Amino acid sequence: AASGSVSSIYAMGWYRQAPGKERELVAATLPTGARNIPVNLRGRFDI
């Protein structure tokens, strides 16, 4: 949930970081509804 200057938001997405690993993209979306999900996660995650 976003608050504050929400009218300025362009892209919204999710990242994750597992123990001992770097933070990685899980899924992101543009104002149009277009989605960007890494191919290895595409079948198991949606945004």
ModelCIF file with pLDDT and N, C-alpha, C, O atoms, coordinates in Angstrom:
data_MODEL
#
_entry.id   MODEL 
#
_entity.id                         1 
_entity.type                       polymer 
_entity.pdbx_number_of_molecules   1 
#
_entity_poly.entity_id                      1 
_entity_poly.type                           'polypeptide(L)' 
_entity_poly.nstd_linkage                   no 
_entity_poly.nstd_monomer                   no 
_entity_poly.pdbx_seq_one_letter_code       AASGSVSSIYAMGWYRQAPGKERELVAATLPTGARNIPVNLRGRFDI 
_entity_poly.pdbx_seq_one_letter_code_can   AASGSVSSIYAMGWYRQAPGKERELVAATLPTGARNIPVNLRGRFDI 
_entity_poly.pdbx_strand_id                 A 
#
loop_
_entity_poly_seq.entity_id 
_entity_poly_seq.num 
_entity_poly_seq.mon_id 
_entity_poly_seq.hetero 
1 1  ALA n 
1 2  ALA n 
1 3  SER n 
1 4  GLY n 
1 5  SER n 
1 6  VAL n 
1 7  SER n 
1 8  SER n 
1 9  ILE n 
1 10 TYR n 
1 11 ALA n 
1 12 MET n 
1 13 GLY n 
1 14 TRP n 
1 15 TYR n 
1 16 ARG n 
1 17 GLN n 
1 18 ALA n 
1 19 PRO n 
1 20 GLY n 
1 21 LYS n 
1 22 GLU n 
1 23 ARG n 
1 24 GLU n 
1 25 LEU n 
1 26 VAL n 
1 27 ALA n 
1 28 ALA n 
1 29 THR n 
1 30 LEU n 
1 31 PRO n 
1 32 THR n 
1 33 GLY n 
1 34 ALA n 
1 35 ARG n 
1 36 ASN n 
1 37 ILE n 
1 38 PRO n 
1 39 VAL n 
1 40 ASN n 
1 41 LEU n 
1 42 ARG n 
1 43 GLY n 
1 44 ARG n 
1 45 PHE n 
1 46 ASP n 
1 47 ILE n 
#
_struct_asym.id          A 
_struct_asym.entity_id   1 
#
loop_
_ma_qa_metric.id 
_ma_qa_metric.mode 
_ma_qa_metric.name 
_ma_qa_metric.software_group_id 
_ma_qa_metric.type 
1 global pLDDT . pLDDT 
2 local  pLDDT . pLDDT 
#
_ma_qa_metric_global.metric_id      1 
_ma_qa_metric_global.metric_value   95.62 
_ma_qa_metric_global.model_id       1 
_ma_qa_metric_global.ordinal_id     1 
#
loop_
_ma_qa_metric_local.label_asym_id 
_ma_qa_metric_local.label_comp_id 
_ma_qa_metric_local.label_seq_id 
_ma_qa_metric_local.metric_id 
_ma_qa_metric_local.metric_value 
_ma_qa_metric_local.model_id 
_ma_qa_metric_local.ordinal_id 
A ALA 1  2 98.00 1 1  
A ALA 2  2 98.00 1 2  
A SER 3  2 98.00 1 3  
A GLY 4  2 98.00 1 4  
A SER 5  2 97.00 1 5  
A VAL 6  2 96.00 1 6  
A SER 7  2 96.00 1 7  
A SER 8  2 96.00 1 8  
A ILE 9  2 96.00 1 9  
A TYR 10 2 96.00 1 10 
A ALA 11 2 97.00 1 11 
A MET 12 2 97.00 1 12 
A GLY 13 2 97.00 1 13 
A TRP 14 2 98.00 1 14 
A TYR 15 2 98.00 1 15 
A ARG 16 2 98.00 1 16 
A GLN 17 2 98.00 1 17 
A ALA 18 2 97.00 1 18 
A PRO 19 2 92.00 1 19 
A GLY 20 2 95.00 1 20 
A LYS 21 2 97.00 1 21 
A GLU 22 2 97.00 1 22 
A ARG 23 2 97.00 1 23 
A GLU 24 2 97.00 1 24 
A LEU 25 2 98.00 1 25 
A VAL 26 2 98.00 1 26 
A ALA 27 2 98.00 1 27 
A ALA 28 2 97.00 1 28 
A THR 29 2 96.00 1 29 
A LEU 30 2 92.00 1 30 
A PRO 31 2 85.00 1 31 
A THR 32 2 86.00 1 32 
A GLY 33 2 83.00 1 33 
A ALA 34 2 93.00 1 34 
A ARG 35 2 95.00 1 35 
A ASN 36 2 96.00 1 36 
A ILE 37 2 97.00 1 37 
A PRO 38 2 97.00 1 38 
A VAL 39 2 96.00 1 39 
A ASN 40 2 94.00 1 40 
A LEU 41 2 96.00 1 41 
A ARG 42 2 94.00 1 42 
A GLY 43 2 92.00 1 43 
A ARG 44 2 96.00 1 44 
A PHE 45 2 97.00 1 45 
A ASP 46 2 97.00 1 46 
A ILE 47 2 97.00 1 47 
#
loop_
_atom_site.group_PDB 
_atom_site.id 
_atom_site.type_symbol 
_atom_site.label_atom_id 
_atom_site.label_alt_id 
_atom_site.label_comp_id 
_atom_site.label_asym_id 
_atom_site.label_entity_id 
_atom_site.label_seq_id 
_atom_site.pdbx_PDB_ins_code 
_atom_site.Cartn_x 
_atom_site.Cartn_y 
_atom_site.Cartn_z 
_atom_site.occupancy 
_atom_site.B_iso_or_equiv 
_atom_site.pdbx_formal_charge 
_atom_site.auth_seq_id 
_atom_site.auth_comp_id 
_atom_site.auth_asym_id 
_atom_site.auth_atom_id 
_atom_site.pdbx_PDB_model_num 
ATOM 1   N N  . ALA A 1 1  ? 0.839  -1.188  0.000   1.00 98.00 ? 1  ALA A N  1 
ATOM 2   C CA . ALA A 1 1  ? 0.000  0.000   0.000   1.00 98.00 ? 1  ALA A CA 1 
ATOM 3   C C  . ALA A 1 1  ? 0.877  1.242   0.000   1.00 98.00 ? 1  ALA A C  1 
ATOM 4   O O  . ALA A 1 1  ? 1.738  1.396   0.866   1.00 98.00 ? 1  ALA A O  1 
ATOM 5   N N  . ALA A 1 2  ? 0.665  2.118   -0.956  1.00 98.00 ? 2  ALA A N  1 
ATOM 6   C CA . ALA A 1 2  ? 1.424  3.351   -1.065  1.00 98.00 ? 2  ALA A CA 1 
ATOM 7   C C  . ALA A 1 2  ? 0.628  4.517   -0.515  1.00 98.00 ? 2  ALA A C  1 
ATOM 8   O O  . ALA A 1 2  ? -0.597 4.561   -0.635  1.00 98.00 ? 2  ALA A O  1 
ATOM 9   N N  . SER A 1 3  ? 1.329  5.455   0.084   1.00 98.00 ? 3  SER A N  1 
ATOM 10  C CA . SER A 1 3  ? 0.706  6.669   0.589   1.00 98.00 ? 3  SER A CA 1 
ATOM 11  C C  . SER A 1 3  ? 1.659  7.832   0.367   1.00 98.00 ? 3  SER A C  1 
ATOM 12  O O  . SER A 1 3  ? 2.826  7.638   0.025   1.00 98.00 ? 3  SER A O  1 
ATOM 13  N N  . GLY A 1 4  ? 1.154  9.031   0.562   1.00 98.00 ? 4  GLY A N  1 
ATOM 14  C CA . GLY A 1 4  ? 1.937  10.218  0.304   1.00 98.00 ? 4  GLY A CA 1 
ATOM 15  C C  . GLY A 1 4  ? 1.650  10.748  -1.084  1.00 98.00 ? 4  GLY A C  1 
ATOM 16  O O  . GLY A 1 4  ? 0.492  10.914  -1.467  1.00 98.00 ? 4  GLY A O  1 
ATOM 17  N N  . SER A 1 5  ? 2.703  11.013  -1.837  1.00 97.00 ? 5  SER A N  1 
ATOM 18  C CA . SER A 1 5  ? 2.563  11.555  -3.183  1.00 97.00 ? 5  SER A CA 1 
ATOM 19  C C  . SER A 1 5  ? 2.321  10.438  -4.196  1.00 97.00 ? 5  SER A C  1 
ATOM 20  O O  . SER A 1 5  ? 3.153  10.168  -5.062  1.00 97.00 ? 5  SER A O  1 
ATOM 21  N N  . VAL A 1 6  ? 1.173  9.803   -4.066  1.00 96.00 ? 6  VAL A N  1 
ATOM 22  C CA . VAL A 1 6  ? 0.884  8.636   -4.907  1.00 96.00 ? 6  VAL A CA 1 
ATOM 23  C C  . VAL A 1 6  ? 0.681  9.017   -6.368  1.00 96.00 ? 6  VAL A C  1 
ATOM 24  O O  . VAL A 1 6  ? 0.845  8.174   -7.250  1.00 96.00 ? 6  VAL A O  1 
ATOM 25  N N  . SER A 1 7  ? 0.331  10.263  -6.637  1.00 96.00 ? 7  SER A N  1 
ATOM 26  C CA . SER A 1 7  ? 0.126  10.682  -8.016  1.00 96.00 ? 7  SER A CA 1 
ATOM 27  C C  . SER A 1 7  ? 1.420  10.691  -8.817  1.00 96.00 ? 7  SER A C  1 
ATOM 28  O O  . SER A 1 7  ? 1.386  10.710  -10.048 1.00 96.00 ? 7  SER A O  1 
ATOM 29  N N  . SER A 1 8  ? 2.554  10.677  -8.136  1.00 96.00 ? 8  SER A N  1 
ATOM 30  C CA . SER A 1 8  ? 3.838  10.693  -8.816  1.00 96.00 ? 8  SER A CA 1 
ATOM 31  C C  . SER A 1 8  ? 4.352  9.307   -9.170  1.00 96.00 ? 8  SER A C  1 
ATOM 32  O O  . SER A 1 8  ? 5.378  9.187   -9.839  1.00 96.00 ? 8  SER A O  1 
ATOM 33  N N  . ILE A 1 9  ? 3.669  8.270   -8.742  1.00 96.00 ? 9  ILE A N  1 
ATOM 34  C CA . ILE A 1 9  ? 4.141  6.905   -8.958  1.00 96.00 ? 9  ILE A CA 1 
ATOM 35  C C  . ILE A 1 9  ? 3.993  6.503   -10.414 1.00 96.00 ? 9  ILE A C  1 
ATOM 36  O O  . ILE A 1 9  ? 2.951  6.721   -11.032 1.00 96.00 ? 9  ILE A O  1 
ATOM 37  N N  . TYR A 1 10 ? 5.050  5.915   -10.950 1.00 96.00 ? 10 TYR A N  1 
ATOM 38  C CA . TYR A 1 10 ? 5.033  5.417   -12.314 1.00 96.00 ? 10 TYR A CA 1 
ATOM 39  C C  . TYR A 1 10 ? 5.018  3.887   -12.339 1.00 96.00 ? 10 TYR A C  1 
ATOM 40  O O  . TYR A 1 10 ? 4.025  3.277   -12.735 1.00 96.00 ? 10 TYR A O  1 
ATOM 41  N N  . ALA A 1 11 ? 6.107  3.282   -11.922 1.00 97.00 ? 11 ALA A N  1 
ATOM 42  C CA . ALA A 1 11 ? 6.189  1.830   -11.895 1.00 97.00 ? 11 ALA A CA 1 
ATOM 43  C C  . ALA A 1 11 ? 6.063  1.323   -10.463 1.00 97.00 ? 11 ALA A C  1 
ATOM 44  O O  . ALA A 1 11 ? 6.486  1.989   -9.518  1.00 97.00 ? 11 ALA A O  1 
ATOM 45  N N  . MET A 1 12 ? 5.480  0.146   -10.316 1.00 97.00 ? 12 MET A N  1 
ATOM 46  C CA . MET A 1 12 ? 5.365  -0.506  -9.025  1.00 97.00 ? 12 MET A CA 1 
ATOM 47  C C  . MET A 1 12 ? 5.783  -1.962  -9.199  1.00 97.00 ? 12 MET A C  1 
ATOM 48  O O  . MET A 1 12 ? 5.433  -2.600  -10.192 1.00 97.00 ? 12 MET A O  1 
ATOM 49  N N  . GLY A 1 13 ? 6.527  -2.479  -8.235  1.00 97.00 ? 13 GLY A N  1 
ATOM 50  C CA . GLY A 1 13 ? 6.987  -3.842  -8.375  1.00 97.00 ? 13 GLY A CA 1 
ATOM 51  C C  . GLY A 1 13 ? 7.422  -4.461  -7.065  1.00 97.00 ? 13 GLY A C  1 
ATOM 52  O O  . GLY A 1 13 ? 7.383  -3.840  -6.003  1.00 97.00 ? 13 GLY A O  1 
ATOM 53  N N  . TRP A 1 14 ? 7.837  -5.704  -7.182  1.00 98.00 ? 14 TRP A N  1 
ATOM 54  C CA . TRP A 1 14 ? 8.287  -6.492  -6.043  1.00 98.00 ? 14 TRP A CA 1 
ATOM 55  C C  . TRP A 1 14 ? 9.664  -7.066  -6.299  1.00 98.00 ? 14 TRP A C  1 
ATOM 56  O O  . TRP A 1 14 ? 9.942  -7.569  -7.388  1.00 98.00 ? 14 TRP A O  1 
ATOM 57  N N  . TYR A 1 15 ? 10.522 -6.993  -5.302  1.00 98.00 ? 15 TYR A N  1 
ATOM 58  C CA . TYR A 1 15 ? 11.832 -7.626  -5.297  1.00 98.00 ? 15 TYR A CA 1 
ATOM 59  C C  . TYR A 1 15 ? 11.913 -8.543  -4.086  1.00 98.00 ? 15 TYR A C  1 
ATOM 60  O O  . TYR A 1 15 ? 11.091 -8.462  -3.173  1.00 98.00 ? 15 TYR A O  1 
ATOM 61  N N  . ARG A 1 16 ? 12.909 -9.410  -4.091  1.00 98.00 ? 16 ARG A N  1 
ATOM 62  C CA . ARG A 1 16 ? 13.112 -10.275 -2.941  1.00 98.00 ? 16 ARG A CA 1 
ATOM 63  C C  . ARG A 1 16 ? 14.600 -10.497 -2.708  1.00 98.00 ? 16 ARG A C  1 
ATOM 64  O O  . ARG A 1 16 ? 15.416 -10.367 -3.621  1.00 98.00 ? 16 ARG A O  1 
ATOM 65  N N  . GLN A 1 17 ? 14.933 -10.831 -1.477  1.00 98.00 ? 17 GLN A N  1 
ATOM 66  C CA . GLN A 1 17 ? 16.309 -11.120 -1.111  1.00 98.00 ? 17 GLN A CA 1 
ATOM 67  C C  . GLN A 1 17 ? 16.321 -12.297 -0.149  1.00 98.00 ? 17 GLN A C  1 
ATOM 68  O O  . GLN A 1 17 ? 15.809 -12.214 0.967   1.00 98.00 ? 17 GLN A O  1 
ATOM 69  N N  . ALA A 1 18 ? 16.910 -13.384 -0.600  1.00 97.00 ? 18 ALA A N  1 
ATOM 70  C CA . ALA A 1 18 ? 17.058 -14.571 0.222   1.00 97.00 ? 18 ALA A CA 1 
ATOM 71  C C  . ALA A 1 18 ? 18.364 -14.491 1.002   1.00 97.00 ? 18 ALA A C  1 
ATOM 72  O O  . ALA A 1 18 ? 19.267 -13.750 0.612   1.00 97.00 ? 18 ALA A O  1 
ATOM 73  N N  . PRO A 1 19 ? 18.479 -15.235 2.091   1.00 92.00 ? 19 PRO A N  1 
ATOM 74  C CA . PRO A 1 19 ? 19.720 -15.216 2.879   1.00 92.00 ? 19 PRO A CA 1 
ATOM 75  C C  . PRO A 1 19 ? 20.935 -15.553 2.027   1.00 92.00 ? 19 PRO A C  1 
ATOM 76  O O  . PRO A 1 19 ? 20.950 -16.564 1.325   1.00 92.00 ? 19 PRO A O  1 
ATOM 77  N N  . GLY A 1 20 ? 21.950 -14.705 2.093   1.00 95.00 ? 20 GLY A N  1 
ATOM 78  C CA . GLY A 1 20 ? 23.177 -14.934 1.358   1.00 95.00 ? 20 GLY A CA 1 
ATOM 79  C C  . GLY A 1 20 ? 23.117 -14.631 -0.126  1.00 95.00 ? 20 GLY A C  1 
ATOM 80  O O  . GLY A 1 20 ? 24.078 -14.898 -0.847  1.00 95.00 ? 20 GLY A O  1 
ATOM 81  N N  . LYS A 1 21 ? 22.004 -14.077 -0.599  1.00 97.00 ? 21 LYS A N  1 
ATOM 82  C CA . LYS A 1 21 ? 21.855 -13.784 -2.013  1.00 97.00 ? 21 LYS A CA 1 
ATOM 83  C C  . LYS A 1 21 ? 21.577 -12.305 -2.236  1.00 97.00 ? 21 LYS A C  1 
ATOM 84  O O  . LYS A 1 21 ? 21.226 -11.572 -1.312  1.00 97.00 ? 21 LYS A O  1 
ATOM 85  N N  . GLU A 1 22 ? 21.742 -11.890 -3.481  1.00 97.00 ? 22 GLU A N  1 
ATOM 86  C CA . GLU A 1 22 ? 21.469 -10.515 -3.851  1.00 97.00 ? 22 GLU A CA 1 
ATOM 87  C C  . GLU A 1 22 ? 19.978 -10.297 -4.057  1.00 97.00 ? 22 GLU A C  1 
ATOM 88  O O  . GLU A 1 22 ? 19.232 -11.232 -4.346  1.00 97.00 ? 22 GLU A O  1 
ATOM 89  N N  . ARG A 1 23 ? 19.562 -9.055  -3.906  1.00 97.00 ? 23 ARG A N  1 
ATOM 90  C CA . ARG A 1 23 ? 18.175 -8.721  -4.157  1.00 97.00 ? 23 ARG A CA 1 
ATOM 91  C C  . ARG A 1 23 ? 17.869 -8.871  -5.646  1.00 97.00 ? 23 ARG A C  1 
ATOM 92  O O  . ARG A 1 23 ? 18.658 -8.449  -6.491  1.00 97.00 ? 23 ARG A O  1 
ATOM 93  N N  . GLU A 1 24 ? 16.730 -9.470  -5.963  1.00 97.00 ? 24 GLU A N  1 
ATOM 94  C CA . GLU A 1 24 ? 16.378 -9.736  -7.340  1.00 97.00 ? 24 GLU A CA 1 
ATOM 95  C C  . GLU A 1 24 ? 14.946 -9.320  -7.640  1.00 97.00 ? 24 GLU A C  1 
ATOM 96  O O  . GLU A 1 24 ? 14.090 -9.288  -6.756  1.00 97.00 ? 24 GLU A O  1 
ATOM 97  N N  . LEU A 1 25 ? 14.709 -9.007  -8.891  1.00 98.00 ? 25 LEU A N  1 
ATOM 98  C CA . LEU A 1 25 ? 13.370 -8.653  -9.347  1.00 98.00 ? 25 LEU A CA 1 
ATOM 99  C C  . LEU A 1 25 ? 12.483 -9.883  -9.375  1.00 98.00 ? 25 LEU A C  1 
ATOM 100 O O  . LEU A 1 25 ? 12.884 -10.945 -9.850  1.00 98.00 ? 25 LEU A O  1 
ATOM 101 N N  . VAL A 1 26 ? 11.278 -9.728  -8.863  1.00 98.00 ? 26 VAL A N  1 
ATOM 102 C CA . VAL A 1 26 ? 10.267 -10.768 -8.953  1.00 98.00 ? 26 VAL A CA 1 
ATOM 103 C C  . VAL A 1 26 ? 9.234  -10.405 -10.011 1.00 98.00 ? 26 VAL A C  1 
ATOM 104 O O  . VAL A 1 26 ? 8.928  -11.212 -10.888 1.00 98.00 ? 26 VAL A O  1 
ATOM 105 N N  . ALA A 1 27 ? 8.699  -9.200  -9.929  1.00 98.00 ? 27 ALA A N  1 
ATOM 106 C CA . ALA A 1 27 ? 7.703  -8.751  -10.892 1.00 98.00 ? 27 ALA A CA 1 
ATOM 107 C C  . ALA A 1 27 ? 7.553  -7.246  -10.797 1.00 98.00 ? 27 ALA A C  1 
ATOM 108 O O  . ALA A 1 27 ? 7.736  -6.661  -9.730  1.00 98.00 ? 27 ALA A O  1 
ATOM 109 N N  . ALA A 1 28 ? 7.219  -6.622  -11.912 1.00 97.00 ? 28 ALA A N  1 
ATOM 110 C CA . ALA A 1 28 ? 6.985  -5.190  -11.943 1.00 97.00 ? 28 ALA A CA 1 
ATOM 111 C C  . ALA A 1 28 ? 5.871  -4.894  -12.930 1.00 97.00 ? 28 ALA A C  1 
ATOM 112 O O  . ALA A 1 28 ? 5.595  -5.684  -13.833 1.00 97.00 ? 28 ALA A O  1 
ATOM 113 N N  . THR A 1 29 ? 5.241  -3.754  -12.748 1.00 96.00 ? 29 THR A N  1 
ATOM 114 C CA . THR A 1 29 ? 4.139  -3.374  -13.620 1.00 96.00 ? 29 THR A CA 1 
ATOM 115 C C  . THR A 1 29 ? 4.184  -1.885  -13.911 1.00 96.00 ? 29 THR A C  1 
ATOM 116 O O  . THR A 1 29 ? 4.593  -1.083  -13.073 1.00 96.00 ? 29 THR A O  1 
ATOM 117 N N  . LEU A 1 30 ? 3.756  -1.531  -15.115 1.00 92.00 ? 30 LEU A N  1 
ATOM 118 C CA . LEU A 1 30 ? 3.668  -0.158  -15.559 1.00 92.00 ? 30 LEU A CA 1 
ATOM 119 C C  . LEU A 1 30 ? 2.240  0.344   -15.414 1.00 92.00 ? 30 LEU A C  1 
ATOM 120 O O  . LEU A 1 30 ? 1.329  -0.455  -15.200 1.00 92.00 ? 30 LEU A O  1 
ATOM 121 N N  . PRO A 1 31 ? 2.023  1.667   -15.527 1.00 85.00 ? 31 PRO A N  1 
ATOM 122 C CA . PRO A 1 31 ? 0.656  2.194   -15.392 1.00 85.00 ? 31 PRO A CA 1 
ATOM 123 C C  . PRO A 1 31 ? -0.333 1.586   -16.374 1.00 85.00 ? 31 PRO A C  1 
ATOM 124 O O  . PRO A 1 31 ? -1.525 1.511   -16.079 1.00 85.00 ? 31 PRO A O  1 
ATOM 125 N N  . THR A 1 32 ? 0.140  1.153   -17.536 1.00 86.00 ? 32 THR A N  1 
ATOM 126 C CA . THR A 1 32 ? -0.733 0.548   -18.525 1.00 86.00 ? 32 THR A CA 1 
ATOM 127 C C  . THR A 1 32 ? -1.197 -0.845  -18.138 1.00 86.00 ? 32 THR A C  1 
ATOM 128 O O  . THR A 1 32 ? -2.126 -1.382  -18.742 1.00 86.00 ? 32 THR A O  1 
ATOM 129 N N  . GLY A 1 33 ? -0.562 -1.428  -17.142 1.00 83.00 ? 33 GLY A N  1 
ATOM 130 C CA . GLY A 1 33 ? -0.854 -2.788  -16.761 1.00 83.00 ? 33 GLY A CA 1 
ATOM 131 C C  . GLY A 1 33 ? 0.129  -3.792  -17.313 1.00 83.00 ? 33 GLY A C  1 
ATOM 132 O O  . GLY A 1 33 ? 0.054  -4.975  -16.980 1.00 83.00 ? 33 GLY A O  1 
ATOM 133 N N  . ALA A 1 34 ? 1.055  -3.347  -18.153 1.00 93.00 ? 34 ALA A N  1 
ATOM 134 C CA . ALA A 1 34 ? 2.078  -4.237  -18.682 1.00 93.00 ? 34 ALA A CA 1 
ATOM 135 C C  . ALA A 1 34 ? 2.922  -4.797  -17.548 1.00 93.00 ? 34 ALA A C  1 
ATOM 136 O O  . ALA A 1 34 ? 3.267  -4.086  -16.604 1.00 93.00 ? 34 ALA A O  1 
ATOM 137 N N  . ARG A 1 35 ? 3.248  -6.073  -17.653 1.00 95.00 ? 35 ARG A N  1 
ATOM 138 C CA . ARG A 1 35 ? 3.977  -6.760  -16.600 1.00 95.00 ? 35 ARG A CA 1 
ATOM 139 C C  . ARG A 1 35 ? 5.354  -7.196  -17.065 1.00 95.00 ? 35 ARG A C  1 
ATOM 140 O O  . ARG A 1 35 ? 5.559  -7.502  -18.240 1.00 95.00 ? 35 ARG A O  1 
ATOM 141 N N  . ASN A 1 36 ? 6.289  -7.222  -16.136 1.00 96.00 ? 36 ASN A N  1 
ATOM 142 C CA . ASN A 1 36 ? 7.637  -7.685  -16.394 1.00 96.00 ? 36 ASN A CA 1 
ATOM 143 C C  . ASN A 1 36 ? 8.006  -8.689  -15.305 1.00 96.00 ? 36 ASN A C  1 
ATOM 144 O O  . ASN A 1 36 ? 8.243  -8.318  -14.155 1.00 96.00 ? 36 ASN A O  1 
ATOM 145 N N  . ILE A 1 37 ? 8.049  -9.952  -15.680 1.00 97.00 ? 37 ILE A N  1 
ATOM 146 C CA . ILE A 1 37 ? 8.377  -11.023 -14.753 1.00 97.00 ? 37 ILE A CA 1 
ATOM 147 C C  . ILE A 1 37 ? 9.481  -11.869 -15.367 1.00 97.00 ? 37 ILE A C  1 
ATOM 148 O O  . ILE A 1 37 ? 9.342  -12.305 -16.510 1.00 97.00 ? 37 ILE A O  1 
ATOM 149 N N  . PRO A 1 38 ? 10.573 -12.118 -14.653 1.00 97.00 ? 38 PRO A N  1 
ATOM 150 C CA . PRO A 1 38 ? 11.627 -12.973 -15.187 1.00 97.00 ? 38 PRO A CA 1 
ATOM 151 C C  . PRO A 1 38 ? 11.075 -14.322 -15.624 1.00 97.00 ? 38 PRO A C  1 
ATOM 152 O O  . PRO A 1 38 ? 10.171 -14.873 -14.996 1.00 97.00 ? 38 PRO A O  1 
ATOM 153 N N  . VAL A 1 39 ? 11.630 -14.840 -16.707 1.00 96.00 ? 39 VAL A N  1 
ATOM 154 C CA . VAL A 1 39 ? 11.079 -16.039 -17.308 1.00 96.00 ? 39 VAL A CA 1 
ATOM 155 C C  . VAL A 1 39 ? 11.066 -17.215 -16.341 1.00 96.00 ? 39 VAL A C  1 
ATOM 156 O O  . VAL A 1 39 ? 10.158 -18.045 -16.396 1.00 96.00 ? 39 VAL A O  1 
ATOM 157 N N  . ASN A 1 40 ? 12.050 -17.300 -15.460 1.00 94.00 ? 40 ASN A N  1 
ATOM 158 C CA . ASN A 1 40 ? 12.106 -18.416 -14.529 1.00 94.00 ? 40 ASN A CA 1 
ATOM 159 C C  . ASN A 1 40 ? 11.058 -18.334 -13.429 1.00 94.00 ? 40 ASN A C  1 
ATOM 160 O O  . ASN A 1 40 ? 10.819 -19.316 -12.727 1.00 94.00 ? 40 ASN A O  1 
ATOM 161 N N  . LEU A 1 41 ? 10.434 -17.182 -13.274 1.00 96.00 ? 41 LEU A N  1 
ATOM 162 C CA . LEU A 1 41 ? 9.397  -16.997 -12.272 1.00 96.00 ? 41 LEU A CA 1 
ATOM 163 C C  . LEU A 1 41 ? 8.021  -16.805 -12.876 1.00 96.00 ? 41 LEU A C  1 
ATOM 164 O O  . LEU A 1 41 ? 7.028  -16.754 -12.149 1.00 96.00 ? 41 LEU A O  1 
ATOM 165 N N  . ARG A 1 42 ? 7.946  -16.700 -14.170 1.00 94.00 ? 42 ARG A N  1 
ATOM 166 C CA . ARG A 1 42 ? 6.723  -16.276 -14.833 1.00 94.00 ? 42 ARG A CA 1 
ATOM 167 C C  . ARG A 1 42 ? 5.537  -17.205 -14.577 1.00 94.00 ? 42 ARG A C  1 
ATOM 168 O O  . ARG A 1 42 ? 4.398  -16.745 -14.502 1.00 94.00 ? 42 ARG A O  1 
ATOM 169 N N  . GLY A 1 43 ? 5.783  -18.454 -14.448 1.00 92.00 ? 43 GLY A N  1 
ATOM 170 C CA . GLY A 1 43 ? 4.707  -19.403 -14.236 1.00 92.00 ? 43 GLY A CA 1 
ATOM 171 C C  . GLY A 1 43 ? 4.237  -19.513 -12.807 1.00 92.00 ? 43 GLY A C  1 
ATOM 172 O O  . GLY A 1 43 ? 3.203  -20.131 -12.557 1.00 92.00 ? 43 GLY A O  1 
ATOM 173 N N  . ARG A 1 44 ? 4.954  -18.940 -11.858 1.00 96.00 ? 44 ARG A N  1 
ATOM 174 C CA . ARG A 1 44 ? 4.644  -19.090 -10.444 1.00 96.00 ? 44 ARG A CA 1 
ATOM 175 C C  . ARG A 1 44 ? 4.305  -17.778 -9.747  1.00 96.00 ? 44 ARG A C  1 
ATOM 176 O O  . ARG A 1 44 ? 3.824  -17.790 -8.614  1.00 96.00 ? 44 ARG A O  1 
ATOM 177 N N  . PHE A 1 45 ? 4.543  -16.666 -10.395 1.00 97.00 ? 45 PHE A N  1 
ATOM 178 C CA . PHE A 1 45 ? 4.261  -15.358 -9.819  1.00 97.00 ? 45 PHE A CA 1 
ATOM 179 C C  . PHE A 1 45 ? 3.457  -14.521 -10.788 1.00 97.00 ? 45 PHE A C  1 
ATOM 180 O O  . PHE A 1 45 ? 3.618  -14.627 -12.004 1.00 97.00 ? 45 PHE A O  1 
ATOM 181 N N  . ASP A 1 46 ? 2.599  -13.694 -10.245 1.00 97.00 ? 46 ASP A N  1 
ATOM 182 C CA . ASP A 1 46 ? 1.899  -12.716 -11.042 1.00 97.00 ? 46 ASP A CA 1 
ATOM 183 C C  . ASP A 1 46 ? 1.752  -11.442 -10.216 1.00 97.00 ? 46 ASP A C  1 
ATOM 184 O O  . ASP A 1 46 ? 1.833  -11.472 -8.988  1.00 97.00 ? 46 ASP A O  1 
ATOM 185 N N  . ILE A 1 47 ? 1.535  -10.332 -10.900 1.00 97.00 ? 47 ILE A N  1 
ATOM 186 C CA . ILE A 1 47 ? 1.440  -9.049  -10.231 1.00 97.00 ? 47 ILE A CA 1 
ATOM 187 C C  . ILE A 1 47 ? 0.208  -8.315  -10.733 1.00 97.00 ? 47 ILE A C  1 
ATOM 188 O O  . ILE A 1 47 ? -0.067 -7.198  -10.295 1.00 97.00 ? 47 ILE A O  1 
#
